[in-house]
N, C-alpha and C. Protein backbone atom coordinates (compact mmCIF):
# COMPACT_ATOMS: atom_id res chain seq x y z
N GLN A 1 0.79 -1.16 0.00
CA GLN A 1 -0.03 0.01 0.02
C GLN A 1 0.93 1.23 0.04
N LEU A 2 0.51 2.23 -0.80
CA LEU A 2 1.20 3.45 -0.87
C LEU A 2 0.27 4.53 -0.39
N GLN A 3 0.90 5.53 0.35
CA GLN A 3 0.17 6.64 0.92
C GLN A 3 0.87 7.97 0.53
N ALA A 4 0.28 8.78 -0.34
CA ALA A 4 0.91 10.06 -0.67
C ALA A 4 0.31 11.10 0.25
N SER A 5 1.15 12.05 0.61
CA SER A 5 0.67 13.18 1.45
C SER A 5 1.64 14.35 1.24
N GLY A 6 1.21 15.53 1.80
CA GLY A 6 2.09 16.71 1.76
C GLY A 6 1.51 17.72 0.82
N GLY A 7 0.50 17.48 0.12
CA GLY A 7 -0.05 18.53 -0.76
C GLY A 7 -0.69 19.66 -0.05
N GLY A 8 -1.03 20.66 -0.83
CA GLY A 8 -1.69 21.87 -0.20
C GLY A 8 -1.71 23.05 -1.12
N LEU A 9 -2.11 24.17 -0.54
CA LEU A 9 -2.16 25.47 -1.31
C LEU A 9 -0.91 26.21 -0.98
N VAL A 10 -0.21 26.68 -2.00
CA VAL A 10 1.02 27.46 -1.79
C VAL A 10 1.06 28.56 -2.86
N GLN A 11 1.64 29.60 -2.52
CA GLN A 11 1.85 30.75 -3.45
C GLN A 11 2.90 30.42 -4.51
N PRO A 12 2.83 31.02 -5.66
CA PRO A 12 3.97 30.85 -6.57
C PRO A 12 5.24 31.25 -5.96
N GLY A 13 6.33 30.40 -6.29
CA GLY A 13 7.60 30.59 -5.72
C GLY A 13 7.78 29.81 -4.34
N GLY A 14 6.68 29.28 -3.86
CA GLY A 14 6.73 28.57 -2.54
C GLY A 14 7.26 27.13 -2.72
N SER A 15 7.22 26.39 -1.62
CA SER A 15 7.74 25.03 -1.55
C SER A 15 6.74 24.18 -0.88
N LEU A 16 6.83 22.93 -1.25
CA LEU A 16 6.15 21.83 -0.61
C LEU A 16 6.98 20.53 -0.64
N ARG A 17 6.79 19.67 0.35
CA ARG A 17 7.46 18.43 0.28
C ARG A 17 6.38 17.29 0.32
N LEU A 18 6.35 16.55 -0.72
CA LEU A 18 5.45 15.41 -0.83
C LEU A 18 6.08 14.15 -0.28
N SER A 19 5.36 13.34 0.36
CA SER A 19 5.82 12.05 0.91
C SER A 19 5.01 10.94 0.31
N CYS A 20 5.71 9.88 0.04
CA CYS A 20 5.06 8.59 -0.42
C CYS A 20 5.54 7.50 0.60
N ALA A 21 4.62 7.10 1.45
CA ALA A 21 4.97 6.05 2.39
C ALA A 21 4.44 4.73 1.93
N ALA A 22 5.20 3.74 2.20
CA ALA A 22 4.87 2.36 1.75
C ALA A 22 4.70 1.41 2.89
N SER A 23 3.80 0.45 2.77
CA SER A 23 3.64 -0.60 3.82
C SER A 23 3.11 -1.86 3.08
N GLY A 24 3.51 -3.06 3.62
CA GLY A 24 2.97 -4.26 3.11
C GLY A 24 3.82 -4.90 2.05
N PHE A 25 4.84 -4.16 1.59
CA PHE A 25 5.73 -4.93 0.61
C PHE A 25 7.15 -4.39 0.85
N THR A 26 8.15 -5.04 0.15
CA THR A 26 9.53 -4.78 0.32
C THR A 26 9.87 -3.53 -0.34
N PHE A 27 9.67 -2.41 0.33
CA PHE A 27 9.82 -1.04 -0.26
C PHE A 27 11.11 -0.83 -1.00
N GLU A 28 12.16 -1.26 -0.30
CA GLU A 28 13.47 -0.98 -0.88
C GLU A 28 13.81 -1.73 -2.23
N SER A 29 12.98 -2.65 -2.62
CA SER A 29 13.23 -3.26 -3.88
C SER A 29 12.45 -2.72 -5.05
N TYR A 30 11.65 -1.71 -4.75
CA TYR A 30 10.82 -1.04 -5.83
C TYR A 30 11.32 0.31 -6.26
N GLY A 31 11.27 0.50 -7.58
CA GLY A 31 11.46 1.82 -8.11
C GLY A 31 10.18 2.66 -7.84
N ILE A 32 10.27 3.88 -7.53
CA ILE A 32 9.13 4.75 -7.18
C ILE A 32 9.08 5.96 -8.13
N GLY A 33 7.92 6.20 -8.62
CA GLY A 33 7.63 7.32 -9.53
C GLY A 33 6.60 8.19 -8.90
N TRP A 34 6.74 9.51 -9.24
CA TRP A 34 5.72 10.48 -9.02
C TRP A 34 5.13 10.94 -10.35
N PHE A 35 3.83 10.97 -10.36
CA PHE A 35 3.07 11.41 -11.52
C PHE A 35 2.17 12.55 -11.18
N ARG A 36 1.69 13.31 -12.04
CA ARG A 36 0.64 14.32 -11.71
C ARG A 36 -0.31 14.33 -12.83
N GLN A 37 -1.50 14.83 -12.51
CA GLN A 37 -2.61 15.01 -13.41
C GLN A 37 -3.40 16.24 -13.16
N ALA A 38 -3.34 17.13 -14.02
CA ALA A 38 -4.11 18.41 -13.92
C ALA A 38 -5.44 18.18 -14.51
N PRO A 39 -6.40 19.01 -14.01
CA PRO A 39 -7.77 18.89 -14.61
C PRO A 39 -7.88 18.94 -16.16
N GLY A 40 -8.43 17.94 -16.75
CA GLY A 40 -8.59 17.98 -18.18
C GLY A 40 -7.34 17.51 -18.94
N LYS A 41 -6.29 17.08 -18.21
CA LYS A 41 -5.10 16.66 -18.85
C LYS A 41 -4.78 15.19 -18.53
N GLY A 42 -3.85 14.62 -19.22
CA GLY A 42 -3.43 13.24 -18.97
C GLY A 42 -2.39 13.19 -17.84
N ARG A 43 -2.20 12.00 -17.40
CA ARG A 43 -1.15 11.81 -16.34
C ARG A 43 0.22 11.80 -16.88
N GLU A 44 1.08 12.62 -16.27
CA GLU A 44 2.49 12.69 -16.76
C GLU A 44 3.40 12.38 -15.63
N ALA A 45 4.56 11.80 -16.00
CA ALA A 45 5.60 11.51 -15.07
C ALA A 45 6.34 12.70 -14.67
N VAL A 46 6.48 13.00 -13.43
CA VAL A 46 7.23 14.09 -12.86
C VAL A 46 8.65 13.75 -12.53
N SER A 47 8.79 12.66 -11.87
CA SER A 47 10.02 12.15 -11.38
C SER A 47 9.95 10.70 -11.01
N CYS A 48 11.16 9.99 -10.94
CA CYS A 48 11.22 8.70 -10.44
C CYS A 48 12.57 8.39 -9.95
N ILE A 49 12.66 7.36 -9.19
CA ILE A 49 13.93 6.99 -8.58
C ILE A 49 14.07 5.50 -8.47
N THR A 50 15.22 4.95 -8.76
CA THR A 50 15.38 3.43 -8.73
C THR A 50 15.41 2.98 -7.32
N SER A 51 15.31 1.71 -7.12
CA SER A 51 15.26 1.06 -5.84
C SER A 51 16.47 1.48 -4.97
N SER A 52 17.67 1.46 -5.60
CA SER A 52 18.88 1.78 -4.82
C SER A 52 19.04 3.28 -4.63
N GLY A 53 18.27 4.08 -5.42
CA GLY A 53 18.42 5.54 -5.32
C GLY A 53 19.57 6.09 -6.21
N ASP A 54 20.19 5.28 -7.00
CA ASP A 54 21.41 5.69 -7.76
C ASP A 54 21.02 6.27 -9.08
N SER A 55 19.79 6.24 -9.47
CA SER A 55 19.33 6.93 -10.74
C SER A 55 17.95 7.56 -10.57
N THR A 56 17.87 8.66 -11.19
CA THR A 56 16.58 9.48 -11.05
C THR A 56 16.19 10.01 -12.46
N TYR A 57 14.98 10.46 -12.51
CA TYR A 57 14.45 11.10 -13.78
C TYR A 57 13.67 12.28 -13.37
N TYR A 58 13.78 13.30 -14.14
CA TYR A 58 12.87 14.51 -13.99
C TYR A 58 12.28 14.96 -15.24
N LEU A 59 11.06 15.31 -15.19
CA LEU A 59 10.37 16.03 -16.35
C LEU A 59 11.16 17.25 -16.64
N ASP A 60 11.37 17.65 -17.87
CA ASP A 60 12.16 18.80 -18.19
C ASP A 60 11.66 20.06 -17.49
N SER A 61 10.33 20.28 -17.41
CA SER A 61 9.85 21.48 -16.84
C SER A 61 10.02 21.61 -15.35
N VAL A 62 10.40 20.52 -14.64
CA VAL A 62 10.60 20.59 -13.21
C VAL A 62 12.11 20.48 -12.82
N LYS A 63 12.97 20.26 -13.78
CA LYS A 63 14.39 20.10 -13.47
C LYS A 63 14.88 21.41 -12.81
N GLY A 64 15.70 21.15 -11.71
CA GLY A 64 16.25 22.27 -10.94
C GLY A 64 15.30 22.79 -9.83
N ARG A 65 14.06 22.34 -9.89
CA ARG A 65 13.09 22.81 -8.91
C ARG A 65 12.61 21.72 -8.00
N LEU A 66 12.55 20.49 -8.51
CA LEU A 66 12.08 19.33 -7.73
C LEU A 66 13.25 18.38 -7.51
N THR A 67 13.21 17.74 -6.34
CA THR A 67 14.21 16.84 -5.98
C THR A 67 13.58 15.56 -5.35
N ILE A 68 13.90 14.45 -5.92
CA ILE A 68 13.31 13.19 -5.37
C ILE A 68 14.40 12.51 -4.47
N SER A 69 13.96 11.92 -3.43
CA SER A 69 14.93 11.13 -2.54
C SER A 69 14.09 10.03 -1.91
N ARG A 70 14.88 9.07 -1.37
CA ARG A 70 14.19 7.99 -0.70
C ARG A 70 14.97 7.60 0.61
N ASP A 71 14.21 7.04 1.55
CA ASP A 71 14.71 6.47 2.78
C ASP A 71 14.37 5.11 2.81
N ASN A 72 15.24 4.18 2.62
CA ASN A 72 15.01 2.73 2.60
C ASN A 72 15.36 2.07 3.93
N SER A 73 15.15 2.85 4.97
CA SER A 73 15.41 2.23 6.33
C SER A 73 14.55 1.05 6.58
N ARG A 74 15.11 0.16 7.30
CA ARG A 74 14.35 -1.06 7.64
C ARG A 74 13.27 -0.74 8.58
N ASP A 75 13.33 0.32 9.21
CA ASP A 75 12.18 0.75 10.08
C ASP A 75 11.01 1.14 9.15
N ASN A 76 9.94 0.38 9.32
CA ASN A 76 8.78 0.53 8.44
C ASN A 76 8.25 1.95 8.47
N THR A 77 8.48 2.69 9.51
CA THR A 77 7.89 4.07 9.67
C THR A 77 8.67 4.93 8.73
N ARG A 78 9.78 4.53 8.18
CA ARG A 78 10.63 5.42 7.41
C ARG A 78 10.74 4.93 5.95
N ASN A 79 9.90 3.97 5.52
CA ASN A 79 10.01 3.54 4.14
C ASN A 79 9.27 4.65 3.30
N THR A 80 10.00 5.61 2.94
CA THR A 80 9.36 6.82 2.33
C THR A 80 10.14 7.38 1.17
N VAL A 81 9.50 7.84 0.14
CA VAL A 81 10.13 8.56 -0.92
C VAL A 81 9.59 9.98 -0.80
N TYR A 82 10.46 10.94 -0.97
CA TYR A 82 10.10 12.36 -0.85
C TYR A 82 10.24 13.02 -2.21
N LEU A 83 9.39 14.02 -2.44
CA LEU A 83 9.52 14.96 -3.56
C LEU A 83 9.48 16.31 -3.08
N GLN A 84 10.75 16.86 -2.98
CA GLN A 84 10.86 18.27 -2.49
C GLN A 84 10.58 19.18 -3.74
N MET A 85 9.64 20.09 -3.55
CA MET A 85 9.20 20.99 -4.66
C MET A 85 9.44 22.39 -4.23
N ASN A 86 10.35 23.04 -4.94
CA ASN A 86 10.68 24.45 -4.75
C ASN A 86 10.36 25.30 -5.94
N SER A 87 10.25 26.56 -5.75
CA SER A 87 9.96 27.49 -6.80
C SER A 87 8.73 27.11 -7.58
N LEU A 88 7.68 26.80 -6.83
CA LEU A 88 6.55 26.28 -7.54
C LEU A 88 5.86 27.30 -8.37
N LYS A 89 5.20 26.78 -9.50
CA LYS A 89 4.57 27.66 -10.45
C LYS A 89 3.15 27.21 -10.62
N PRO A 90 2.28 28.15 -11.01
CA PRO A 90 0.86 27.74 -11.22
C PRO A 90 0.67 26.57 -12.03
N GLU A 91 1.52 26.34 -13.02
CA GLU A 91 1.42 25.16 -13.86
C GLU A 91 1.72 23.87 -13.22
N ASP A 92 2.25 23.93 -12.12
CA ASP A 92 2.48 22.71 -11.21
C ASP A 92 1.20 22.22 -10.55
N THR A 93 0.16 22.98 -10.63
CA THR A 93 -1.12 22.55 -9.91
C THR A 93 -1.63 21.31 -10.56
N ALA A 94 -1.92 20.32 -9.71
CA ALA A 94 -2.37 19.02 -10.19
C ALA A 94 -2.51 18.17 -8.94
N ASP A 95 -3.15 16.95 -9.25
CA ASP A 95 -3.12 15.90 -8.26
C ASP A 95 -1.79 15.10 -8.50
N TYR A 96 -1.13 14.84 -7.45
CA TYR A 96 0.16 14.13 -7.49
C TYR A 96 -0.03 12.73 -6.94
N TYR A 97 0.55 11.76 -7.63
CA TYR A 97 0.40 10.31 -7.29
C TYR A 97 1.75 9.71 -7.23
N CYS A 98 1.91 8.83 -6.30
CA CYS A 98 3.18 8.02 -6.28
C CYS A 98 2.82 6.63 -6.71
N ALA A 99 3.80 5.94 -7.25
CA ALA A 99 3.55 4.51 -7.81
C ALA A 99 4.85 3.71 -7.62
N ALA A 100 4.73 2.42 -7.46
CA ALA A 100 5.87 1.59 -7.19
C ALA A 100 5.98 0.56 -8.31
N ASP A 101 7.20 0.36 -8.76
CA ASP A 101 7.53 -0.61 -9.86
C ASP A 101 8.31 -1.75 -9.27
N TYR A 102 7.81 -2.95 -9.42
CA TYR A 102 8.54 -4.15 -8.85
C TYR A 102 9.89 -4.40 -9.45
N SER A 103 10.12 -3.95 -10.67
CA SER A 103 11.42 -4.15 -11.25
C SER A 103 12.60 -3.40 -10.62
N GLY A 104 12.17 -2.42 -9.83
CA GLY A 104 13.20 -1.58 -9.14
C GLY A 104 13.79 -0.49 -10.00
N GLN A 105 13.25 -0.40 -11.26
CA GLN A 105 13.84 0.60 -12.19
C GLN A 105 12.98 1.92 -12.04
N CYS A 106 13.42 2.83 -12.76
CA CYS A 106 12.81 4.19 -12.85
C CYS A 106 12.26 4.37 -14.23
N HIS A 107 10.92 4.50 -14.27
CA HIS A 107 10.24 4.60 -15.60
C HIS A 107 9.35 5.84 -15.56
N ASN A 108 9.12 6.43 -16.80
CA ASN A 108 8.22 7.53 -16.93
C ASN A 108 6.96 7.07 -17.58
N ARG A 109 6.74 5.77 -17.67
CA ARG A 109 5.44 5.27 -18.23
C ARG A 109 4.64 4.70 -17.18
N PRO A 110 3.41 5.23 -16.99
CA PRO A 110 2.51 4.81 -15.88
C PRO A 110 2.14 3.34 -15.98
N LEU A 111 2.04 2.76 -17.11
CA LEU A 111 1.54 1.38 -17.24
C LEU A 111 2.51 0.38 -16.65
N VAL A 112 3.76 0.67 -16.44
CA VAL A 112 4.64 -0.36 -15.87
C VAL A 112 4.63 -0.44 -14.39
N TYR A 113 3.95 0.46 -13.77
CA TYR A 113 3.92 0.48 -12.24
C TYR A 113 2.89 -0.41 -11.74
N ASP A 114 3.24 -1.15 -10.65
CA ASP A 114 2.44 -2.21 -10.03
C ASP A 114 1.46 -1.72 -8.97
N HIS A 115 1.87 -0.69 -8.27
CA HIS A 115 1.10 -0.23 -7.08
C HIS A 115 0.95 1.29 -7.22
N TRP A 116 -0.21 1.75 -6.85
CA TRP A 116 -0.54 3.21 -6.94
C TRP A 116 -1.03 3.66 -5.57
N GLY A 117 -0.59 4.85 -5.11
CA GLY A 117 -1.26 5.46 -4.04
C GLY A 117 -2.40 6.44 -4.40
N GLN A 118 -3.14 6.95 -3.48
CA GLN A 118 -4.15 7.98 -3.82
C GLN A 118 -3.42 9.24 -4.05
N GLY A 119 -4.07 10.15 -4.78
CA GLY A 119 -3.43 11.38 -5.03
C GLY A 119 -3.42 12.41 -3.88
N THR A 120 -2.47 13.33 -3.94
CA THR A 120 -2.48 14.47 -3.00
C THR A 120 -2.53 15.74 -3.87
N GLN A 121 -3.38 16.62 -3.47
CA GLN A 121 -3.59 17.75 -4.35
C GLN A 121 -2.59 18.94 -4.04
N VAL A 122 -1.99 19.40 -5.08
CA VAL A 122 -1.12 20.57 -5.03
C VAL A 122 -1.73 21.70 -5.86
N THR A 123 -1.90 22.78 -5.16
CA THR A 123 -2.42 24.02 -5.80
C THR A 123 -1.53 25.21 -5.65
N VAL A 124 -1.02 25.72 -6.76
CA VAL A 124 -0.19 26.81 -6.69
C VAL A 124 -0.87 28.08 -7.21
N SER A 125 -1.19 29.00 -6.32
CA SER A 125 -1.99 30.13 -6.63
C SER A 125 -1.76 31.32 -5.64
N SER A 126 -1.87 32.49 -6.16
CA SER A 126 -1.74 33.66 -5.31
C SER A 126 -3.09 34.12 -4.86
């Protein structure tokens, strides 16, 4: 099970940190992706990270503003992937979802992911 949290309302230029917490599976073996879906638009990959954390991907429009990281601690309360979001723009407004890929790889294609969490809403507005 995946649980995404951390969304909210923020002004342009502000920051948020999204969290994706996992339970019930071997979290450290999975690649984790963050996707977003704005109203009336398709789901797009924002970022992902491999199971080991040694490789990441970022959507071009978020490079330099968003940073993905993971904590693979054996302590189940810390099986979490974070998405630090800085210098937020109105076009970042969307529902954000995290997903887990059993292969451990980092993909920007939604269909390869095995588990999905519910979305957390991010609204960037003045």
